Amino acid sequence: TYRQQSGKPIKTELTVTKAFRLLKECLDEGHDPVNVINTSIANGYQGLFKPKFALNDRRTGRDVNRISAPDKTIPTGFRG
C-alpha cells in the first residue's frame, strides 16, 4: 500500500477508525472519498484532510469564464 511504500505504516486501530470517520463525513458532504485519498497522496500529506471548500461554495461562486455585459449608463456627475 501507499503507506507501506512511503515508510509510514498505520500505527493504531484508532488511526484507521478516525480516517474512516473523516471519509464518511466527506461523503456526507458530497465529496468523493477516493478524491480525498488521492489528493493526500498527490500532495505527499501524512494524513487525510477535508477539502477546503464545500461543493456548493464552488458552484455558487463567480464564473470566471463568463464575460459580463458592459454597463451602458453614464453615472451622474461623470465628466469625461
PDB file of N, CA and C in Angstrom:
ATOM      1  N   THR A   1       0.833  -1.189   0.000  1.00  0.00           N
ATOM      2  CA  THR A   1       0.000   0.000   0.000  1.00  0.00           C
ATOM      3  C   THR A   1       0.876   1.251   0.000  1.00  0.00           C
ATOM      4  N   TYR A   2       0.238   2.372  -0.230  1.00  0.00           N
ATOM      5  CA  TYR A   2       0.966   3.649  -0.265  1.00  0.00           C
ATOM      6  C   TYR A   2       1.688   3.912   1.055  1.00  0.00           C
ATOM      7  N   ARG A   3       1.012   3.682   2.172  1.00  0.00           N
ATOM      8  CA  ARG A   3       1.627   3.955   3.480  1.00  0.00           C
ATOM      9  C   ARG A   3       2.860   3.081   3.693  1.00  0.00           C
ATOM     10  N   GLN A   4       2.801   1.831   3.289  1.00  0.00           N
ATOM     11  CA  GLN A   4       3.955   0.941   3.443  1.00  0.00           C
ATOM     12  C   GLN A   4       5.096   1.377   2.533  1.00  0.00           C
ATOM     13  N   GLN A   5       4.776   1.737   1.299  1.00  0.00           N
ATOM     14  CA  GLN A   5       5.806   2.166   0.352  1.00  0.00           C
ATOM     15  C   GLN A   5       6.476   3.459   0.807  1.00  0.00           C
ATOM     16  N   SER A   6       5.723   4.322   1.468  1.00  0.00           N
ATOM     17  CA  SER A   6       6.289   5.595   1.915  1.00  0.00           C
ATOM     18  C   SER A   6       7.060   5.454   3.228  1.00  0.00           C
ATOM     19  N   GLY A   7       7.033   4.252   3.827  1.00  0.00           N
ATOM     20  CA  GLY A   7       7.746   4.032   5.081  1.00  0.00           C
ATOM     21  C   GLY A   7       7.019   4.584   6.286  1.00  0.00           C
ATOM     22  N   LYS A   8       5.731   4.868   6.143  1.00  0.00           N
ATOM     23  CA  LYS A   8       4.931   5.413   7.237  1.00  0.00           C
ATOM     24  C   LYS A   8       3.717   4.504   7.455  1.00  0.00           C
ATOM     25  N   PRO A   9       3.921   3.379   8.136  1.00  0.00           N
ATOM     26  CA  PRO A   9       2.807   2.448   8.328  1.00  0.00           C
ATOM     27  C   PRO A   9       1.733   3.029   9.247  1.00  0.00           C
ATOM     28  N   ILE A  10       0.525   2.502   9.123  1.00  0.00           N
ATOM     29  CA  ILE A  10      -0.572   2.899  10.005  1.00  0.00           C
ATOM     30  C   ILE A  10      -0.273   2.312  11.376  1.00  0.00           C
ATOM     31  N   LYS A  11      -0.290   3.144  12.401  1.00  0.00           N
ATOM     32  CA  LYS A  11       0.189   2.723  13.715  1.00  0.00           C
ATOM     33  C   LYS A  11      -0.881   2.110  14.622  1.00  0.00           C
ATOM     34  N   THR A  12      -2.095   2.633  14.570  1.00  0.00           N
ATOM     35  CA  THR A  12      -3.100   2.150  15.522  1.00  0.00           C
ATOM     36  C   THR A  12      -4.449   1.939  14.848  1.00  0.00           C
ATOM     37  N   GLU A  13      -5.280   1.186  15.542  1.00  0.00           N
ATOM     38  CA  GLU A  13      -6.650   0.977  15.082  1.00  0.00           C
ATOM     39  C   GLU A  13      -7.426   2.290  15.145  1.00  0.00           C
ATOM     40  N   LEU A  14      -7.098   3.137  16.117  1.00  0.00           N
ATOM     41  CA  LEU A  14      -7.757   4.437  16.249  1.00  0.00           C
ATOM     42  C   LEU A  14      -7.497   5.300  15.014  1.00  0.00           C
ATOM     43  N   THR A  15      -6.291   5.222  14.468  1.00  0.00           N
ATOM     44  CA  THR A  15      -5.960   5.973  13.249  1.00  0.00           C
ATOM     45  C   THR A  15      -6.892   5.573  12.111  1.00  0.00           C
ATOM     46  N   VAL A  16      -7.097   4.271  11.964  1.00  0.00           N
ATOM     47  CA  VAL A  16      -7.972   3.763  10.900  1.00  0.00           C
ATOM     48  C   VAL A  16      -9.408   4.200  11.148  1.00  0.00           C
ATOM     49  N   THR A  17      -9.865   4.094  12.386  1.00  0.00           N
ATOM     50  CA  THR A  17     -11.237   4.480  12.735  1.00  0.00           C
ATOM     51  C   THR A  17     -11.486   5.952  12.426  1.00  0.00           C
ATOM     52  N   LYS A  18     -10.554   6.806  12.809  1.00  0.00           N
ATOM     53  CA  LYS A  18     -10.720   8.244  12.558  1.00  0.00           C
ATOM     54  C   LYS A  18     -10.644   8.566  11.071  1.00  0.00           C
ATOM     55  N   ALA A  19      -9.809   7.846  10.332  1.00  0.00           N
ATOM     56  CA  ALA A  19      -9.721   8.061   8.884  1.00  0.00           C
ATOM     57  C   ALA A  19     -11.047   7.698   8.219  1.00  0.00           C
ATOM     58  N   PHE A  20     -11.639   6.561   8.618  1.00  0.00           N
ATOM     59  CA  PHE A  20     -12.933   6.165   8.058  1.00  0.00           C
ATOM     60  C   PHE A  20     -14.012   7.175   8.419  1.00  0.00           C
ATOM     61  N   ARG A  21     -13.975   7.684   9.646  1.00  0.00           N
ATOM     62  CA  ARG A  21     -14.966   8.675  10.078  1.00  0.00           C
ATOM     63  C   ARG A  21     -14.855   9.947   9.225  1.00  0.00           C
ATOM     64  N   LEU A  22     -13.622  10.388   8.982  1.00  0.00           N
ATOM     65  CA  LEU A  22     -13.413  11.592   8.175  1.00  0.00           C
ATOM     66  C   LEU A  22     -13.895  11.369   6.739  1.00  0.00           C
ATOM     67  N   LEU A  23     -13.597  10.197   6.178  1.00  0.00           N
ATOM     68  CA  LEU A  23     -14.044   9.903   4.814  1.00  0.00           C
ATOM     69  C   LEU A  23     -15.566   9.836   4.737  1.00  0.00           C
ATOM     70  N   LYS A  24     -16.214   9.318   5.784  1.00  0.00           N
ATOM     71  CA  LYS A  24     -17.681   9.274   5.824  1.00  0.00           C
ATOM     72  C   LYS A  24     -18.251  10.689   5.874  1.00  0.00           C
ATOM     73  N   GLU A  25     -17.639  11.569   6.669  1.00  0.00           N
ATOM     74  CA  GLU A  25     -18.083  12.966   6.728  1.00  0.00           C
ATOM     75  C   GLU A  25     -17.937  13.629   5.362  1.00  0.00           C
ATOM     76  N   CYS A  26     -16.830  13.372   4.694  1.00  0.00           N
ATOM     77  CA  CYS A  26     -16.612  13.943   3.359  1.00  0.00           C
ATOM     78  C   CYS A  26     -17.681  13.448   2.391  1.00  0.00           C
ATOM     79  N   LEU A  27     -17.979  12.148   2.456  1.00  0.00           N
ATOM     80  CA  LEU A  27     -19.011  11.572   1.591  1.00  0.00           C
ATOM     81  C   LEU A  27     -20.365  12.215   1.876  1.00  0.00           C
ATOM     82  N   ASP A  28     -20.695  12.386   3.154  1.00  0.00           N
ATOM     83  CA  ASP A  28     -21.971  13.006   3.537  1.00  0.00           C
ATOM     84  C   ASP A  28     -22.082  14.441   3.033  1.00  0.00           C
ATOM     85  N   GLU A  29     -20.940  15.115   2.876  1.00  0.00           N
ATOM     86  CA  GLU A  29     -20.925  16.496   2.379  1.00  0.00           C
ATOM     87  C   GLU A  29     -20.842  16.554   0.857  1.00  0.00           C
ATOM     88  N   GLY A  30     -20.857  15.377   0.204  1.00  0.00           N
ATOM     89  CA  GLY A  30     -20.879  15.339  -1.254  1.00  0.00           C
ATOM     90  C   GLY A  30     -19.523  15.185  -1.916  1.00  0.00           C
ATOM     91  N   HIS A  31     -18.471  14.984  -1.120  1.00  0.00           N
ATOM     92  CA  HIS A  31     -17.134  14.807  -1.687  1.00  0.00           C
ATOM     93  C   HIS A  31     -16.871  13.324  -1.923  1.00  0.00           C
ATOM     94  N   ASP A  32     -16.112  13.018  -2.952  1.00  0.00           N
ATOM     95  CA  ASP A  32     -15.743  11.643  -3.252  1.00  0.00           C
ATOM     96  C   ASP A  32     -14.572  11.248  -2.351  1.00  0.00           C
ATOM     97  N   PRO A  33     -14.744  10.242  -1.482  1.00  0.00           N
ATOM     98  CA  PRO A  33     -13.654   9.829  -0.594  1.00  0.00           C
ATOM     99  C   PRO A  33     -12.389   9.412  -1.349  1.00  0.00           C
ATOM    100  N   VAL A  34     -12.554   8.838  -2.529  1.00  0.00           N
ATOM    101  CA  VAL A  34     -11.389   8.445  -3.332  1.00  0.00           C
ATOM    102  C   VAL A  34     -10.580   9.682  -3.710  1.00  0.00           C
ATOM    103  N   ASN A  35     -11.261  10.772  -4.048  1.00  0.00           N
ATOM    104  CA  ASN A  35     -10.553  12.018  -4.371  1.00  0.00           C
ATOM    105  C   ASN A  35      -9.832  12.581  -3.151  1.00  0.00           C
ATOM    106  N   VAL A  36     -10.431  12.436  -1.973  1.00  0.00           N
ATOM    107  CA  VAL A  36      -9.790  12.906  -0.741  1.00  0.00           C
ATOM    108  C   VAL A  36      -8.483  12.139  -0.528  1.00  0.00           C
ATOM    109  N   ILE A  37      -8.530  10.825  -0.699  1.00  0.00           N
ATOM    110  CA  ILE A  37      -7.335   9.989  -0.535  1.00  0.00           C
ATOM    111  C   ILE A  37      -6.298  10.331  -1.594  1.00  0.00           C
ATOM    112  N   ASN A  38      -6.734  10.417  -2.859  1.00  0.00           N
ATOM    113  CA  ASN A  38      -5.795  10.713  -3.947  1.00  0.00           C
ATOM    114  C   ASN A  38      -5.141  12.084  -3.789  1.00  0.00           C
ATOM    115  N   THR A  39      -5.889  13.066  -3.296  1.00  0.00           N
ATOM    116  CA  THR A  39      -5.323  14.396  -3.070  1.00  0.00           C
ATOM    117  C   THR A  39      -4.234  14.341  -2.004  1.00  0.00           C
ATOM    118  N   SER A  40      -4.485  13.588  -0.933  1.00  0.00           N
ATOM    119  CA  SER A  40      -3.481  13.452   0.124  1.00  0.00           C
ATOM    120  C   SER A  40      -2.217  12.785  -0.402  1.00  0.00           C
ATOM    121  N   ILE A  41      -2.374  11.746  -1.211  1.00  0.00           N
ATOM    122  CA  ILE A  41      -1.215  11.050  -1.777  1.00  0.00           C
ATOM    123  C   ILE A  41      -0.464  11.965  -2.731  1.00  0.00           C
ATOM    124  N   ALA A  42      -1.203  12.639  -3.616  1.00  0.00           N
ATOM    125  CA  ALA A  42      -0.570  13.500  -4.625  1.00  0.00           C
ATOM    126  C   ALA A  42       0.220  14.641  -3.989  1.00  0.00           C
ATOM    127  N   ASN A  43      -0.251  15.134  -2.842  1.00  0.00           N
ATOM    128  CA  ASN A  43       0.426  16.249  -2.180  1.00  0.00           C
ATOM    129  C   ASN A  43       1.434  15.802  -1.125  1.00  0.00           C
ATOM    130  N   GLY A  44       1.594  14.491  -0.967  1.00  0.00           N
ATOM    131  CA  GLY A  44       2.565  13.979  -0.007  1.00  0.00           C
ATOM    132  C   GLY A  44       2.158  14.173   1.440  1.00  0.00           C
ATOM    133  N   TYR A  45       0.842  14.337   1.696  1.00  0.00           N
ATOM    134  CA  TYR A  45       0.367  14.521   3.064  1.00  0.00           C
ATOM    135  C   TYR A  45       0.527  13.222   3.849  1.00  0.00           C
ATOM    136  N   GLN A  46       0.668  13.328   5.162  1.00  0.00           N
ATOM    137  CA  GLN A  46       0.766  12.150   6.011  1.00  0.00           C
ATOM    138  C   GLN A  46      -0.589  11.741   6.571  1.00  0.00           C
ATOM    139  N   GLY A  47      -1.629  12.506   6.254  1.00  0.00           N
ATOM    140  CA  GLY A  47      -2.967  12.191   6.735  1.00  0.00           C
ATOM    141  C   GLY A  47      -4.004  12.578   5.710  1.00  0.00           C
ATOM    142  N   LEU A  48      -5.261  12.409   6.098  1.00  0.00           N
ATOM    143  CA  LEU A  48      -6.378  12.781   5.238  1.00  0.00           C
ATOM    144  C   LEU A  48      -6.967  14.087   5.747  1.00  0.00           C
ATOM    145  N   PHE A  49      -7.405  14.922   4.818  1.00  0.00           N
ATOM    146  CA  PHE A  49      -7.952  16.221   5.181  1.00  0.00           C
ATOM    147  C   PHE A  49      -9.200  16.496   4.364  1.00  0.00           C
ATOM    148  N   LYS A  50     -10.191  17.130   5.012  1.00  0.00           N
ATOM    149  CA  LYS A  50     -11.401  17.527   4.294  1.00  0.00           C
ATOM    150  C   LYS A  50     -11.032  18.582   3.260  1.00  0.00           C
ATOM    151  N   PRO A  51     -11.726  18.585   2.113  1.00  0.00           N
ATOM    152  CA  PRO A  51     -11.500  19.658   1.138  1.00  0.00           C
ATOM    153  C   PRO A  51     -11.780  21.012   1.790  1.00  0.00           C
ATOM    154  N   LYS A  52     -11.012  22.029   1.393  1.00  0.00           N
ATOM    155  CA  LYS A  52     -11.139  23.361   1.997  1.00  0.00           C
ATOM    156  C   LYS A  52     -12.470  24.020   1.682  1.00  0.00           C
ATOM    157  N   PHE A  53     -13.027  23.726   0.512  1.00  0.00           N
ATOM    158  CA  PHE A  53     -14.256  24.378   0.084  1.00  0.00           C
ATOM    159  C   PHE A  53     -15.375  23.362  -0.026  1.00  0.00           C
ATOM    160  N   ALA A  54     -16.546  23.752   0.435  1.00  0.00           N
ATOM    161  CA  ALA A  54     -17.719  22.908   0.264  1.00  0.00           C
ATOM    162  C   ALA A  54     -18.094  22.894  -1.208  1.00  0.00           C
ATOM    163  N   LEU A  55     -18.685  21.804  -1.639  1.00  0.00           N
ATOM    164  CA  LEU A  55     -19.050  21.690  -3.054  1.00  0.00           C
ATOM    165  C   LEU A  55     -19.993  22.796  -3.487  1.00  0.00           C
ATOM    166  N   ASN A  56     -20.969  23.138  -2.640  1.00  0.00           N
ATOM    167  CA  ASN A  56     -21.917  24.175  -3.037  1.00  0.00           C
ATOM    168  C   ASN A  56     -21.268  25.551  -3.095  1.00  0.00           C
ATOM    169  N   ASP A  57     -20.160  25.776  -2.363  1.00  0.00           N
ATOM    170  CA  ASP A  57     -19.453  27.056  -2.443  1.00  0.00           C
ATOM    171  C   ASP A  57     -18.852  27.247  -3.827  1.00  0.00           C
ATOM    172  N   ARG A  58     -18.366  26.180  -4.406  1.00  0.00           N
ATOM    173  CA  ARG A  58     -17.759  26.273  -5.733  1.00  0.00           C
ATOM    174  C   ARG A  58     -18.808  26.534  -6.806  1.00  0.00           C
ATOM    175  N   ARG A  59     -19.955  25.891  -6.661  1.00  0.00           N
ATOM    176  CA  ARG A  59     -20.991  26.038  -7.682  1.00  0.00           C
ATOM    177  C   ARG A  59     -21.598  27.434  -7.696  1.00  0.00           C
ATOM    178  N   THR A  60     -21.695  28.041  -6.531  1.00  0.00           N
ATOM    179  CA  THR A  60     -22.325  29.357  -6.466  1.00  0.00           C
ATOM    180  C   THR A  60     -21.317  30.481  -6.651  1.00  0.00           C
ATOM    181  N   GLY A  61     -20.061  30.128  -6.789  1.00  0.00           N
ATOM    182  CA  GLY A  61     -19.031  31.144  -6.978  1.00  0.00           C
ATOM    183  C   GLY A  61     -19.146  31.806  -8.335  1.00  0.00           C
ATOM    184  N   ARG A  62     -18.415  32.880  -8.510  1.00  0.00           N
ATOM    185  CA  ARG A  62     -18.443  33.630  -9.754  1.00  0.00           C
ATOM    186  C   ARG A  62     -17.797  32.814 -10.863  1.00  0.00           C
ATOM    187  N   ASP A  63     -18.423  32.776 -12.032  1.00  0.00           N
ATOM    188  CA  ASP A  63     -17.875  32.074 -13.190  1.00  0.00           C
ATOM    189  C   ASP A  63     -16.844  32.984 -13.845  1.00  0.00           C
ATOM    190  N   VAL A  64     -15.577  32.626 -13.714  1.00  0.00           N
ATOM    191  CA  VAL A  64     -14.511  33.486 -14.233  1.00  0.00           C
ATOM    192  C   VAL A  64     -14.428  33.462 -15.754  1.00  0.00           C
ATOM    193  N   ASN A  65     -15.100  32.514 -16.384  1.00  0.00           N
ATOM    194  CA  ASN A  65     -15.066  32.434 -17.843  1.00  0.00           C
ATOM    195  C   ASN A  65     -16.200  33.211 -18.506  1.00  0.00           C
ATOM    196  N   ARG A  66     -17.151  33.680 -17.712  1.00  0.00           N
ATOM    197  CA  ARG A  66     -18.291  34.417 -18.254  1.00  0.00           C
ATOM    198  C   ARG A  66     -17.913  35.883 -18.433  1.00  0.00           C
ATOM    199  N   ILE A  67     -18.211  36.421 -19.574  1.00  0.00           N
ATOM    200  CA  ILE A  67     -17.944  37.833 -19.850  1.00  0.00           C
ATOM    201  C   ILE A  67     -19.221  38.604 -19.554  1.00  0.00           C
ATOM    202  N   SER A  68     -19.114  39.574 -18.668  1.00  0.00           N
ATOM    203  CA  SER A  68     -20.302  40.333 -18.298  1.00  0.00           C
ATOM    204  C   SER A  68     -20.611  41.378 -19.367  1.00  0.00           C
ATOM    205  N   ALA A  69     -21.887  41.724 -19.446  1.00  0.00           N
ATOM    206  CA  ALA A  69     -22.313  42.752 -20.401  1.00  0.00           C
ATOM    207  C   ALA A  69     -21.855  44.115 -19.895  1.00  0.00           C
ATOM    208  N   PRO A  70     -21.407  44.981 -20.794  1.00  0.00           N
ATOM    209  CA  PRO A  70     -20.951  46.305 -20.351  1.00  0.00           C
ATOM    210  C   PRO A  70     -22.120  47.149 -19.844  1.00  0.00           C
ATOM    211  N   ASP A  71     -21.821  48.023 -18.909  1.00  0.00           N
ATOM    212  CA  ASP A  71     -22.816  48.938 -18.368  1.00  0.00           C
ATOM    213  C   ASP A  71     -22.932  50.110 -19.342  1.00  0.00           C
ATOM    214  N   LYS A  72     -24.127  50.343 -19.862  1.00  0.00           N
ATOM    215  CA  LYS A  72     -24.305  51.381 -20.888  1.00  0.00           C
ATOM    216  C   LYS A  72     -24.758  52.718 -20.309  1.00  0.00           C
ATOM    217  N   THR A  73     -24.947  52.772 -19.012  1.00  0.00           N
ATOM    218  CA  THR A  73     -25.394  54.032 -18.418  1.00  0.00           C
ATOM    219  C   THR A  73     -24.200  54.882 -18.010  1.00  0.00           C
ATOM    220  N   ILE A  74     -24.368  56.177 -18.107  1.00  0.00           N
ATOM    221  CA  ILE A  74     -23.317  57.114 -17.704  1.00  0.00           C
ATOM    222  C   ILE A  74     -23.659  57.602 -16.304  1.00  0.00           C
ATOM    223  N   PRO A  75     -22.733  57.418 -15.371  1.00  0.00           N
ATOM    224  CA  PRO A  75     -23.014  57.829 -13.991  1.00  0.00           C
ATOM    225  C   PRO A  75     -23.268  59.329 -13.888  1.00  0.00           C
ATOM    226  N   THR A  76     -24.166  59.700 -12.981  1.00  0.00           N
ATOM    227  CA  THR A  76     -24.456  61.103 -12.727  1.00  0.00           C
ATOM    228  C   THR A  76     -23.184  61.803 -12.265  1.00  0.00           C
ATOM    229  N   GLY A  77     -22.913  62.961 -12.834  1.00  0.00           N
ATOM    230  CA  GLY A  77     -21.737  63.723 -12.451  1.00  0.00           C
ATOM    231  C   GLY A  77     -20.478  63.332 -13.203  1.00  0.00           C
ATOM    232  N   PHE A  78     -20.594  62.385 -14.144  1.00  0.00           N
ATOM    233  CA  PHE A  78     -19.406  61.978 -14.906  1.00  0.00           C
ATOM    234  C   PHE A  78     -18.964  63.114 -15.811  1.00  0.00           C
ATOM    235  N   ARG A  79     -17.679  63.408 -15.810  1.00  0.00           N
ATOM    236  CA  ARG A  79     -17.151  64.476 -16.652  1.00  0.00           C
ATOM    237  C   ARG A  79     -16.009  63.883 -17.468  1.00  0.00           C
ATOM    238  N   GLY A  80     -16.303  63.344 -18.593  1.00  0.00           N
ATOM    239  CA  GLY A  80     -15.264  62.704 -19.378  1.00  0.00           C
ATOM    240  C   GLY A  80     -15.121  63.332 -20.644  1.00  0.00           C
TER     241      GLY A  80
END
